[in-house]
Every structure is written in C-alpha cells, then in structure tokens.
Amino acid sequence: MVQENPADRIEGDLPELEEFLDNGELETLRAERDEFRDKFMRALADAENSRKRADRDRREAEQYGSTRLARDLLPVYDNLQRALQAIPDENRTTAAGLIEGVELTLRELTNVMTKHGVTPISPAVGDLFDPQQHQAMFEAPLPGTKAGQIIQVMTEGFMLYDRLLRPAQVGVSSNPG
C-alpha cells in the first residue's frame, strides 16, 4: 500500500501530522510557518506603503513640478503690470493699440498661470498684514491707520495650489494701536 505524503494534505494544523512527526518537529514546523506568515504580512504591508508613497510622490510631482517655471514667469507678470502703470494718462489715447496688446498679453499670461494652479495674492491697502502671505518691506507710521495694516502694495504675491510661491511685498503701518 502506497502511503500518502502528508505535505500534500497540509491545510492548517491537521491532527494526522502528529502520527508522522514527533512533537518537537511539529512545533518547529509551526514556528517556522508563523515566522514565514509574519514575514509575508510585513512584506505585504511594506509593498502597500511603497505604493501609497509612490502615488503621493507622483501627485506632488504633477502638482508642484512646475514651481521653478512659475517662479521664473513672475517677473514677466510684474514687468507687464509696471508697463501698464507707467503709461501717462495723456498718452493713453495715442498708444491705445499698444496698451491693448500689453493688456491682452498680461491677461493670457494670467489665464495660463491660473490654468496651472498659480493664483495671485492681491492684498489691498487697509488689509491686515498676514506673515503667511505677505512680506513686510518697510514699516512707517501713517496717520489714520492701525499697527499691522497694509499701507502700500509693491508687488502681488502668488500661490501654487496651496503652497506659497512668492509673498506679496507690502508696506505696513507702525502706528501704535
């Protein structure tokens, strides 16, 4: 009579195994099985953590990978704004075509930046200074204002999604409360 190999029938802990193995061997096999199960579960958890980390890194690269390009475009935006502000009122009618071209270019640049998650931080005079979004370039006492109020805006700031790309540069009142 051909005996069946017990290894072919192992499904969990079978009491028939005790017939073929002494107690020490059975305990050794159980310990080894538990060790392999533990290693397998750890490897599975590690693989899942690696997958999640890779997904997060990929999303961040997609969202924030253009940070350097966006920062490099900000001076172009600033220069177009300055060009529009520098035109004297008496020349606005004679240079209407040029002004319209600069405004259209600025609008297109703004649309492209917005499409890629770059949004302006545009504080107004009288707003409270927020160190998370503003950079104080100077402090000056200005009658009629309270300490911490913005008294002048030099340049707009920008956010890239939820990250600060560049703080708005502002002047702040130093009047005592």
C-alpha atoms as a PDB file:
ATOM      1  CA  MET A   1       0.000   0.000   0.000  1.00  0.00           C
ATOM      2  CA  VAL A   2       1.356   3.401  -1.019  1.00  0.00           C
ATOM      3  CA  GLN A   3       1.325   5.925   1.758  1.00  0.00           C
ATOM      4  CA  GLU A   4       0.106   9.426   1.013  1.00  0.00           C
ATOM      5  CA  ASN A   5       2.639  12.230   1.537  1.00  0.00           C
ATOM      6  CA  PRO A   6       1.389  14.358   4.475  1.00  0.00           C
ATOM      7  CA  ALA A   7       2.891  17.507   2.891  1.00  0.00           C
ATOM      8  CA  ASP A   8       0.364  17.181   0.053  1.00  0.00           C
ATOM      9  CA  ARG A   9      -2.540  17.339   2.507  1.00  0.00           C
ATOM     10  CA  ILE A  10      -1.476  20.095   4.889  1.00  0.00           C
ATOM     11  CA  GLU A  11      -4.303  22.587   5.367  1.00  0.00           C
ATOM     12  CA  GLY A  12      -3.702  24.367   8.655  1.00  0.00           C
ATOM     13  CA  ASP A  13      -2.928  22.131  11.617  1.00  0.00           C
ATOM     14  CA  LEU A  14      -4.027  18.558  10.813  1.00  0.00           C
ATOM     15  CA  PRO A  15      -4.017  16.167  13.744  1.00  0.00           C
ATOM     16  CA  GLU A  16      -2.849  13.340  11.429  1.00  0.00           C
ATOM     17  CA  LEU A  17       0.543  15.038  11.158  1.00  0.00           C
ATOM     18  CA  GLU A  18       1.286  14.061  14.697  1.00  0.00           C
ATOM     19  CA  GLU A  19       1.410  10.452  13.533  1.00  0.00           C
ATOM     20  CA  PHE A  20       4.293  11.200  11.151  1.00  0.00           C
ATOM     21  CA  LEU A  21       6.203  13.824  13.165  1.00  0.00           C
ATOM     22  CA  ASP A  22       7.304  13.860  16.738  1.00  0.00           C
ATOM     23  CA  ASN A  23       6.153  16.753  18.924  1.00  0.00           C
ATOM     24  CA  GLY A  24       9.411  18.719  18.583  1.00  0.00           C
ATOM     25  CA  GLU A  25       9.354  18.603  14.786  1.00  0.00           C
ATOM     26  CA  LEU A  26       5.721  19.684  14.703  1.00  0.00           C
ATOM     27  CA  GLU A  27       6.412  22.669  16.965  1.00  0.00           C
ATOM     28  CA  THR A  28       9.429  23.599  14.823  1.00  0.00           C
ATOM     29  CA  LEU A  29       7.248  23.498  11.683  1.00  0.00           C
ATOM     30  CA  ARG A  30       4.544  25.602  13.360  1.00  0.00           C
ATOM     31  CA  ALA A  31       7.107  28.170  14.486  1.00  0.00           C
ATOM     32  CA  GLU A  32       8.605  28.276  11.009  1.00  0.00           C
ATOM     33  CA  ARG A  33       5.138  28.653   9.465  1.00  0.00           C
ATOM     34  CA  ASP A  34       4.324  31.517  11.844  1.00  0.00           C
ATOM     35  CA  GLU A  35       7.643  33.197  11.064  1.00  0.00           C
ATOM     36  CA  PHE A  36       7.012  32.959   7.305  1.00  0.00           C
ATOM     37  CA  ARG A  37       3.457  34.249   7.760  1.00  0.00           C
ATOM     38  CA  ASP A  38       4.805  37.215   9.753  1.00  0.00           C
ATOM     39  CA  LYS A  39       7.457  37.959   7.109  1.00  0.00           C
ATOM     40  CA  PHE A  40       4.832  37.710   4.364  1.00  0.00           C
ATOM     41  CA  MET A  41       2.472  40.110   6.159  1.00  0.00           C
ATOM     42  CA  ARG A  42       5.291  42.590   6.749  1.00  0.00           C
ATOM     43  CA  ALA A  43       6.357  42.394   3.104  1.00  0.00           C
ATOM     44  CA  LEU A  44       2.750  42.912   2.026  1.00  0.00           C
ATOM     45  CA  ALA A  45       2.401  45.962   4.294  1.00  0.00           C
ATOM     46  CA  ASP A  46       5.734  47.327   3.076  1.00  0.00           C
ATOM     47  CA  ALA A  47       4.650  46.927  -0.562  1.00  0.00           C
ATOM     48  CA  GLU A  48       1.363  48.726   0.155  1.00  0.00           C
ATOM     49  CA  ASN A  49       3.213  51.579   1.912  1.00  0.00           C
ATOM     50  CA  SER A  50       5.617  51.862  -1.036  1.00  0.00           C
ATOM     51  CA  ARG A  51       2.692  52.022  -3.465  1.00  0.00           C
ATOM     52  CA  LYS A  52       0.986  54.765  -1.427  1.00  0.00           C
ATOM     53  CA  ARG A  53       4.253  56.718  -1.139  1.00  0.00           C
ATOM     54  CA  ALA A  54       4.822  56.451  -4.904  1.00  0.00           C
ATOM     55  CA  ASP A  55       1.261  57.644  -5.586  1.00  0.00           C
ATOM     56  CA  ARG A  56       1.744  60.637  -3.266  1.00  0.00           C
ATOM     57  CA  ASP A  57       5.124  61.477  -4.835  1.00  0.00           C
ATOM     58  CA  ARG A  58       3.622  61.249  -8.345  1.00  0.00           C
ATOM     59  CA  ARG A  59       0.721  63.566  -7.398  1.00  0.00           C
ATOM     60  CA  GLU A  60       3.111  66.090  -5.836  1.00  0.00           C
ATOM     61  CA  ALA A  61       5.382  65.990  -8.879  1.00  0.00           C
ATOM     62  CA  GLU A  62       2.397  66.639 -11.156  1.00  0.00           C
ATOM     63  CA  GLN A  63       1.096  69.452  -8.981  1.00  0.00           C
ATOM     64  CA  TYR A  64       4.298  71.149  -7.850  1.00  0.00           C
ATOM     65  CA  GLY A  65       6.794  70.129 -10.545  1.00  0.00           C
ATOM     66  CA  SER A  66       6.316  73.432 -12.348  1.00  0.00           C
ATOM     67  CA  THR A  67       7.354  75.552  -9.351  1.00  0.00           C
ATOM     68  CA  ARG A  68      10.626  76.768 -10.879  1.00  0.00           C
ATOM     69  CA  LEU A  69       8.987  77.680 -14.188  1.00  0.00           C
ATOM     70  CA  ALA A  70       6.185  79.511 -12.386  1.00  0.00           C
ATOM     71  CA  ARG A  71       8.702  81.478 -10.285  1.00  0.00           C
ATOM     72  CA  ASP A  72      10.616  82.391 -13.446  1.00  0.00           C
ATOM     73  CA  LEU A  73       7.410  83.750 -15.058  1.00  0.00           C
ATOM     74  CA  LEU A  74       6.537  86.056 -12.153  1.00  0.00           C
ATOM     75  CA  PRO A  75       8.981  88.824 -13.191  1.00  0.00           C
ATOM     76  CA  VAL A  76       7.369  88.815 -16.657  1.00  0.00           C
ATOM     77  CA  TYR A  77       3.981  89.345 -14.993  1.00  0.00           C
ATOM     78  CA  ASP A  78       5.445  92.134 -12.811  1.00  0.00           C
ATOM     79  CA  ASN A  79       7.041  93.877 -15.809  1.00  0.00           C
ATOM     80  CA  LEU A  80       3.793  93.825 -17.804  1.00  0.00           C
ATOM     81  CA  GLN A  81       1.975  95.316 -14.794  1.00  0.00           C
ATOM     82  CA  ARG A  82       4.639  98.030 -14.437  1.00  0.00           C
ATOM     83  CA  ALA A  83       4.461  98.802 -18.154  1.00  0.00           C
ATOM     84  CA  LEU A  84       0.715  99.432 -17.900  1.00  0.00           C
ATOM     85  CA  GLN A  85       1.121 101.563 -14.761  1.00  0.00           C
ATOM     86  CA  ALA A  86       3.951 103.637 -16.295  1.00  0.00           C
ATOM     87  CA  ILE A  87       1.882 104.974 -19.209  1.00  0.00           C
ATOM     88  CA  PRO A  88       0.922 108.598 -18.515  1.00  0.00           C
ATOM     89  CA  ASP A  89      -2.775 109.482 -18.845  1.00  0.00           C
ATOM     90  CA  GLU A  90      -2.101 111.956 -21.680  1.00  0.00           C
ATOM     91  CA  ASN A  91      -0.507 109.170 -23.802  1.00  0.00           C
ATOM     92  CA  ARG A  92      -3.264 106.591 -23.256  1.00  0.00           C
ATOM     93  CA  THR A  93      -5.304 107.628 -26.298  1.00  0.00           C
ATOM     94  CA  THR A  94      -2.350 107.767 -28.699  1.00  0.00           C
ATOM     95  CA  ALA A  95      -0.953 104.433 -27.503  1.00  0.00           C
ATOM     96  CA  ALA A  96      -4.317 102.636 -27.219  1.00  0.00           C
ATOM     97  CA  GLY A  97      -3.248  99.784 -29.537  1.00  0.00           C
ATOM     98  CA  LEU A  98      -0.024  99.183 -27.641  1.00  0.00           C
ATOM     99  CA  ILE A  99      -1.834  99.287 -24.297  1.00  0.00           C
ATOM    100  CA  GLU A 100      -4.439  96.826 -25.554  1.00  0.00           C
ATOM    101  CA  GLY A 101      -1.676  94.470 -26.727  1.00  0.00           C
ATOM    102  CA  VAL A 102       0.084  94.578 -23.351  1.00  0.00           C
ATOM    103  CA  GLU A 103      -3.233  94.054 -21.520  1.00  0.00           C
ATOM    104  CA  LEU A 104      -4.077  91.055 -23.732  1.00  0.00           C
ATOM    105  CA  THR A 105      -0.611  89.575 -23.148  1.00  0.00           C
ATOM    106  CA  LEU A 106      -0.970  90.079 -19.393  1.00  0.00           C
ATOM    107  CA  ARG A 107      -4.461  88.523 -19.434  1.00  0.00           C
ATOM    108  CA  GLU A 108      -3.209  85.496 -21.420  1.00  0.00           C
ATOM    109  CA  LEU A 109      -0.264  85.033 -19.036  1.00  0.00           C
ATOM    110  CA  THR A 110      -2.667  85.237 -16.077  1.00  0.00           C
ATOM    111  CA  ASN A 111      -5.004  82.662 -17.678  1.00  0.00           C
ATOM    112  CA  VAL A 112      -2.133  80.237 -18.332  1.00  0.00           C
ATOM    113  CA  MET A 113      -0.811  80.624 -14.788  1.00  0.00           C
ATOM    114  CA  THR A 114      -4.311  80.092 -13.333  1.00  0.00           C
ATOM    115  CA  LYS A 115      -4.793  77.005 -15.512  1.00  0.00           C
ATOM    116  CA  HIS A 116      -1.653  75.552 -13.909  1.00  0.00           C
ATOM    117  CA  GLY A 117      -2.639  76.374 -10.319  1.00  0.00           C
ATOM    118  CA  VAL A 118      -0.863  79.721  -9.905  1.00  0.00           C
ATOM    119  CA  THR A 119      -3.186  82.272  -8.290  1.00  0.00           C
ATOM    120  CA  PRO A 120      -2.400  85.843  -7.239  1.00  0.00           C
ATOM    121  CA  ILE A 121      -2.370  87.137  -3.676  1.00  0.00           C
ATOM    122  CA  SER A 122      -3.655  90.685  -4.059  1.00  0.00           C
ATOM    123  CA  PRO A 123      -3.779  92.474  -0.708  1.00  0.00           C
ATOM    124  CA  ALA A 124      -5.426  95.881  -0.580  1.00  0.00           C
ATOM    125  CA  VAL A 125      -4.408  98.968   1.351  1.00  0.00           C
ATOM    126  CA  GLY A 126      -6.034  98.691   4.781  1.00  0.00           C
ATOM    127  CA  ASP A 127      -5.923  94.872   4.960  1.00  0.00           C
ATOM    128  CA  LEU A 128      -4.179  93.341   7.939  1.00  0.00           C
ATOM    129  CA  PHE A 129      -0.645  92.067   7.436  1.00  0.00           C
ATOM    130  CA  ASP A 130      -0.509  88.244   7.240  1.00  0.00           C
ATOM    131  CA  PRO A 131       3.032  86.872   7.612  1.00  0.00           C
ATOM    132  CA  GLN A 132       1.889  83.636   5.900  1.00  0.00           C
ATOM    133  CA  GLN A 133       1.176  85.517   2.661  1.00  0.00           C
ATOM    134  CA  HIS A 134       2.875  88.904   2.911  1.00  0.00           C
ATOM    135  CA  GLN A 135       6.449  90.140   3.218  1.00  0.00           C
ATOM    136  CA  ALA A 136       6.855  93.470   5.015  1.00  0.00           C
ATOM    137  CA  MET A 137       9.291  95.608   3.028  1.00  0.00           C
ATOM    138  CA  PHE A 138       9.083  98.563   5.411  1.00  0.00           C
ATOM    139  CA  GLU A 139       7.191  99.912   8.418  1.00  0.00           C
ATOM    140  CA  ALA A 140       6.071 103.514   8.686  1.00  0.00           C
ATOM    141  CA  PRO A 141       3.707 105.466  10.919  1.00  0.00           C
ATOM    142  CA  LEU A 142       0.772 106.663   8.821  1.00  0.00           C
ATOM    143  CA  PRO A 143      -1.937 108.806  10.413  1.00  0.00           C
ATOM    144  CA  GLY A 144      -5.371 107.201  10.344  1.00  0.00           C
ATOM    145  CA  THR A 145      -4.106 103.615  10.320  1.00  0.00           C
ATOM    146  CA  LYS A 146      -3.593 100.954  12.948  1.00  0.00           C
ATOM    147  CA  ALA A 147      -0.408  98.969  13.517  1.00  0.00           C
ATOM    148  CA  GLY A 148      -0.247  95.963  11.211  1.00  0.00           C
ATOM    149  CA  GLN A 149      -2.394  97.436   8.456  1.00  0.00           C
ATOM    150  CA  ILE A 150      -1.047  97.374   4.916  1.00  0.00           C
ATOM    151  CA  ILE A 151      -0.323 100.917   3.720  1.00  0.00           C
ATOM    152  CA  GLN A 152       1.282 100.125   0.351  1.00  0.00           C
ATOM    153  CA  VAL A 153       1.463  97.134  -2.016  1.00  0.00           C
ATOM    154  CA  MET A 154       4.684  96.888  -4.048  1.00  0.00           C
ATOM    155  CA  THR A 155       4.140  93.521  -5.768  1.00  0.00           C
ATOM    156  CA  GLU A 156       1.450  90.897  -5.748  1.00  0.00           C
ATOM    157  CA  GLY A 157       2.181  87.521  -4.253  1.00  0.00           C
ATOM    158  CA  PHE A 158       1.321  84.151  -5.745  1.00  0.00           C
ATOM    159  CA  MET A 159       0.230  80.711  -4.559  1.00  0.00           C
ATOM    160  CA  LEU A 160       0.838  77.442  -6.395  1.00  0.00           C
ATOM    161  CA  TYR A 161      -2.242  75.466  -5.339  1.00  0.00           C
ATOM    162  CA  ASP A 162      -1.894  75.527  -1.546  1.00  0.00           C
ATOM    163  CA  ARG A 163       1.805  76.487  -1.377  1.00  0.00           C
ATOM    164  CA  LEU A 164       3.230  79.987  -1.244  1.00  0.00           C
ATOM    165  CA  LEU A 165       5.146  80.683  -4.438  1.00  0.00           C
ATOM    166  CA  ARG A 166       6.023  84.298  -3.608  1.00  0.00           C
ATOM    167  CA  PRO A 167       4.734  86.504  -0.788  1.00  0.00           C
ATOM    168  CA  ALA A 168       3.114  89.829  -1.633  1.00  0.00           C
ATOM    169  CA  GLN A 169       5.556  92.642  -0.871  1.00  0.00           C
ATOM    170  CA  VAL A 170       3.882  95.297   1.258  1.00  0.00           C
ATOM    171  CA  GLY A 171       4.497  98.304   3.466  1.00  0.00           C
ATOM    172  CA  VAL A 172       2.966  98.112   6.950  1.00  0.00           C
ATOM    173  CA  SER A 173       1.798 100.761   9.369  1.00  0.00           C
ATOM    174  CA  SER A 174       3.682 101.009  12.647  1.00  0.00           C
ATOM    175  CA  ASN A 175       1.203 103.297  14.420  1.00  0.00           C
ATOM    176  CA  PRO A 176       0.566 102.250  17.984  1.00  0.00           C
ATOM    177  CA  GLY A 177      -2.894 100.681  18.464  1.00  0.00           C
END
